[in-house]
Amino acid sequence: MQRLQLVISPAHFVDRFGRRVLTNAGQPGMDGKEGVGSTTEEQRNRVAAAIYANCEHLDNAQLDEIVAWVRLYRKK
C-alpha cells in the first residue's frame, strides 16, 4: 500500500475564521492579499510564512520542538 504525501500550500494556512493568512507566494497577507491585516494579524502571518518557508524538511521531532516553544507563549 502506497502512502499519499500531502503537498502543503499557502492555502492550507487559514485562521480560525477560515481566512487565508498567506499569499499564493507564501508571503504574509490576510485573505491572500499582501500588506492587509491588523498589527497582531501581521505578526501571526509572519510566523505562518516562516513555518511555510522553513518546515518542509524538518522531521517530526524537530517540529515537536517548535510546537513546544510556541506553547510557552500560550496563556493559562
N, C-alpha and C. Protein backbone atom coordinates (compact mmCIF):
# COMPACT_ATOMS: atom_id res chain seq x y z
N MET A 1 0.85 -1.17 0.00
CA MET A 1 0.00 0.00 0.00
C MET A 1 0.90 1.24 0.00
N GLN A 2 0.62 2.15 -0.90
CA GLN A 2 1.42 3.36 -1.03
C GLN A 2 0.78 4.49 -0.23
N ARG A 3 1.62 5.23 0.53
CA ARG A 3 1.11 6.37 1.31
C ARG A 3 1.07 7.60 0.43
N LEU A 4 0.00 8.35 0.54
CA LEU A 4 -0.11 9.61 -0.18
C LEU A 4 0.60 10.70 0.59
N GLN A 5 1.34 11.53 -0.10
CA GLN A 5 2.07 12.64 0.52
C GLN A 5 1.22 13.90 0.37
N LEU A 6 0.96 14.57 1.48
CA LEU A 6 0.23 15.84 1.45
C LEU A 6 1.17 16.93 0.98
N VAL A 7 0.77 17.64 -0.05
CA VAL A 7 1.53 18.78 -0.52
C VAL A 7 0.97 20.00 0.19
N ILE A 8 1.80 20.63 1.00
CA ILE A 8 1.36 21.79 1.78
C ILE A 8 1.53 23.04 0.93
N SER A 9 0.46 23.82 0.86
CA SER A 9 0.48 25.06 0.07
C SER A 9 0.07 26.23 0.96
N PRO A 10 0.30 27.45 0.51
CA PRO A 10 -0.12 28.61 1.30
C PRO A 10 -1.62 28.60 1.62
N ALA A 11 -2.41 27.97 0.78
CA ALA A 11 -3.86 27.91 1.00
C ALA A 11 -4.22 27.11 2.25
N HIS A 12 -3.32 26.27 2.74
CA HIS A 12 -3.58 25.50 3.96
C HIS A 12 -3.49 26.35 5.23
N PHE A 13 -2.89 27.52 5.14
CA PHE A 13 -2.69 28.37 6.31
C PHE A 13 -3.87 29.32 6.44
N VAL A 14 -4.83 28.92 7.28
CA VAL A 14 -6.03 29.73 7.50
C VAL A 14 -6.20 29.99 8.98
N ASP A 15 -6.89 31.09 9.30
CA ASP A 15 -7.15 31.41 10.71
C ASP A 15 -8.41 30.69 11.18
N ARG A 16 -8.80 30.94 12.41
CA ARG A 16 -9.95 30.24 12.99
C ARG A 16 -11.26 30.60 12.31
N PHE A 17 -11.25 31.65 11.47
CA PHE A 17 -12.45 32.05 10.74
C PHE A 17 -12.42 31.55 9.29
N GLY A 18 -11.38 30.80 8.94
CA GLY A 18 -11.26 30.26 7.61
C GLY A 18 -10.63 31.20 6.59
N ARG A 19 -10.09 32.33 7.06
CA ARG A 19 -9.46 33.29 6.15
C ARG A 19 -8.00 32.92 5.94
N ARG A 20 -7.55 33.03 4.71
CA ARG A 20 -6.14 32.75 4.39
C ARG A 20 -5.25 33.79 5.03
N VAL A 21 -4.07 33.35 5.51
CA VAL A 21 -3.12 34.28 6.13
C VAL A 21 -1.84 34.42 5.32
N LEU A 22 -1.76 33.72 4.17
CA LEU A 22 -0.61 33.82 3.28
C LEU A 22 -1.07 34.09 1.86
N THR A 23 -0.24 34.79 1.10
CA THR A 23 -0.50 34.98 -0.32
C THR A 23 -0.16 33.69 -1.06
N ASN A 24 -0.48 33.64 -2.33
CA ASN A 24 -0.13 32.46 -3.14
C ASN A 24 1.37 32.21 -3.16
N ALA A 25 2.16 33.27 -2.98
CA ALA A 25 3.62 33.16 -2.98
C ALA A 25 4.17 32.79 -1.59
N GLY A 26 3.29 32.62 -0.59
CA GLY A 26 3.73 32.25 0.75
C GLY A 26 4.12 33.43 1.62
N GLN A 27 3.78 34.64 1.19
CA GLN A 27 4.08 35.84 1.97
C GLN A 27 2.90 36.16 2.89
N PRO A 28 3.15 36.88 4.00
CA PRO A 28 2.06 37.24 4.91
C PRO A 28 1.02 38.11 4.21
N GLY A 29 -0.25 37.85 4.50
CA GLY A 29 -1.32 38.68 3.94
C GLY A 29 -2.69 38.09 4.23
N MET A 30 -3.57 38.91 4.76
CA MET A 30 -4.93 38.46 5.07
C MET A 30 -5.72 38.25 3.78
N ASP A 31 -6.53 37.20 3.79
CA ASP A 31 -7.34 36.83 2.62
C ASP A 31 -6.49 36.70 1.37
N GLY A 32 -5.22 36.34 1.55
CA GLY A 32 -4.31 36.16 0.43
C GLY A 32 -3.79 37.45 -0.18
N LYS A 33 -4.03 38.59 0.51
CA LYS A 33 -3.60 39.89 -0.02
C LYS A 33 -2.47 40.44 0.85
N GLU A 34 -1.32 40.64 0.25
CA GLU A 34 -0.14 41.11 0.97
C GLU A 34 -0.37 42.50 1.56
N GLY A 35 0.12 42.71 2.80
CA GLY A 35 0.03 44.01 3.45
C GLY A 35 -1.30 44.30 4.11
N VAL A 36 -2.20 43.32 4.17
CA VAL A 36 -3.51 43.52 4.77
C VAL A 36 -3.53 42.83 6.13
N GLY A 37 -4.11 43.50 7.14
CA GLY A 37 -4.25 42.89 8.46
C GLY A 37 -3.87 43.83 9.57
N SER A 38 -4.41 43.56 10.76
CA SER A 38 -4.07 44.35 11.94
C SER A 38 -2.63 44.05 12.35
N THR A 39 -2.13 44.78 13.33
CA THR A 39 -0.75 44.58 13.79
C THR A 39 -0.52 43.14 14.26
N THR A 40 -1.43 42.62 15.08
CA THR A 40 -1.24 41.25 15.57
C THR A 40 -1.46 40.22 14.47
N GLU A 41 -2.38 40.50 13.54
CA GLU A 41 -2.56 39.59 12.40
C GLU A 41 -1.29 39.55 11.56
N GLU A 42 -0.67 40.70 11.35
CA GLU A 42 0.57 40.75 10.58
C GLU A 42 1.67 39.94 11.27
N GLN A 43 1.76 40.05 12.61
CA GLN A 43 2.76 39.27 13.35
C GLN A 43 2.51 37.78 13.20
N ARG A 44 1.27 37.38 13.39
CA ARG A 44 0.91 35.96 13.27
C ARG A 44 1.17 35.46 11.85
N ASN A 45 0.86 36.29 10.87
CA ASN A 45 1.04 35.89 9.48
C ASN A 45 2.52 35.75 9.12
N ARG A 46 3.38 36.56 9.75
CA ARG A 46 4.83 36.41 9.53
C ARG A 46 5.32 35.08 10.09
N VAL A 47 4.77 34.67 11.23
CA VAL A 47 5.12 33.36 11.79
C VAL A 47 4.66 32.25 10.84
N ALA A 48 3.43 32.39 10.32
CA ALA A 48 2.92 31.40 9.36
C ALA A 48 3.82 31.32 8.13
N ALA A 49 4.27 32.47 7.64
CA ALA A 49 5.15 32.49 6.46
C ALA A 49 6.48 31.81 6.77
N ALA A 50 7.00 32.02 7.98
CA ALA A 50 8.26 31.38 8.37
C ALA A 50 8.09 29.86 8.45
N ILE A 51 6.96 29.43 8.99
CA ILE A 51 6.68 27.99 9.07
C ILE A 51 6.59 27.41 7.66
N TYR A 52 5.84 28.08 6.79
CA TYR A 52 5.68 27.59 5.42
C TYR A 52 7.04 27.49 4.70
N ALA A 53 7.88 28.49 4.91
CA ALA A 53 9.16 28.55 4.19
C ALA A 53 10.22 27.61 4.75
N ASN A 54 10.11 27.22 6.04
CA ASN A 54 11.23 26.54 6.68
C ASN A 54 10.97 25.15 7.24
N CYS A 55 9.73 24.70 7.28
CA CYS A 55 9.45 23.45 8.00
C CYS A 55 9.31 22.21 7.12
N GLU A 56 9.35 22.36 5.82
CA GLU A 56 9.09 21.23 4.93
C GLU A 56 10.03 20.05 5.16
N HIS A 57 11.28 20.31 5.43
CA HIS A 57 12.25 19.22 5.54
C HIS A 57 12.60 18.83 6.97
N LEU A 58 11.90 19.40 7.94
CA LEU A 58 12.15 19.03 9.34
C LEU A 58 11.46 17.71 9.66
N ASP A 59 12.05 16.94 10.56
CA ASP A 59 11.41 15.69 10.96
C ASP A 59 10.41 15.97 12.08
N ASN A 60 9.66 14.95 12.45
CA ASN A 60 8.60 15.12 13.45
C ASN A 60 9.14 15.59 14.80
N ALA A 61 10.31 15.11 15.21
CA ALA A 61 10.88 15.53 16.49
C ALA A 61 11.21 17.02 16.47
N GLN A 62 11.76 17.48 15.37
CA GLN A 62 12.09 18.91 15.26
C GLN A 62 10.81 19.75 15.25
N LEU A 63 9.79 19.28 14.56
CA LEU A 63 8.51 20.00 14.55
C LEU A 63 7.90 20.03 15.95
N ASP A 64 8.02 18.92 16.69
CA ASP A 64 7.51 18.88 18.07
C ASP A 64 8.23 19.90 18.95
N GLU A 65 9.53 20.08 18.73
CA GLU A 65 10.27 21.09 19.50
C GLU A 65 9.73 22.49 19.22
N ILE A 66 9.46 22.78 17.97
CA ILE A 66 8.92 24.10 17.61
C ILE A 66 7.55 24.31 18.24
N VAL A 67 6.70 23.29 18.20
CA VAL A 67 5.38 23.38 18.82
C VAL A 67 5.52 23.64 20.31
N ALA A 68 6.47 22.99 20.98
CA ALA A 68 6.69 23.20 22.41
C ALA A 68 7.11 24.64 22.69
N TRP A 69 7.94 25.21 21.83
CA TRP A 69 8.36 26.61 22.02
C TRP A 69 7.17 27.55 21.88
N VAL A 70 6.31 27.29 20.93
CA VAL A 70 5.12 28.13 20.74
C VAL A 70 4.21 28.02 21.96
N ARG A 71 4.09 26.81 22.51
CA ARG A 71 3.23 26.61 23.68
C ARG A 71 3.70 27.41 24.89
N LEU A 72 4.97 27.76 24.95
CA LEU A 72 5.46 28.59 26.05
C LEU A 72 4.71 29.92 26.13
N TYR A 73 4.20 30.39 25.01
CA TYR A 73 3.52 31.69 24.95
C TYR A 73 2.02 31.61 25.16
N ARG A 74 1.47 30.41 25.25
CA ARG A 74 0.02 30.28 25.48
C ARG A 74 -0.30 30.75 26.88
N LYS A 75 -1.37 31.48 27.01
CA LYS A 75 -1.82 31.95 28.32
C LYS A 75 -2.61 30.84 29.00
N LYS A 76 -2.36 30.67 30.28
CA LYS A 76 -3.06 29.62 31.04
C LYS A 76 -4.35 30.16 31.57
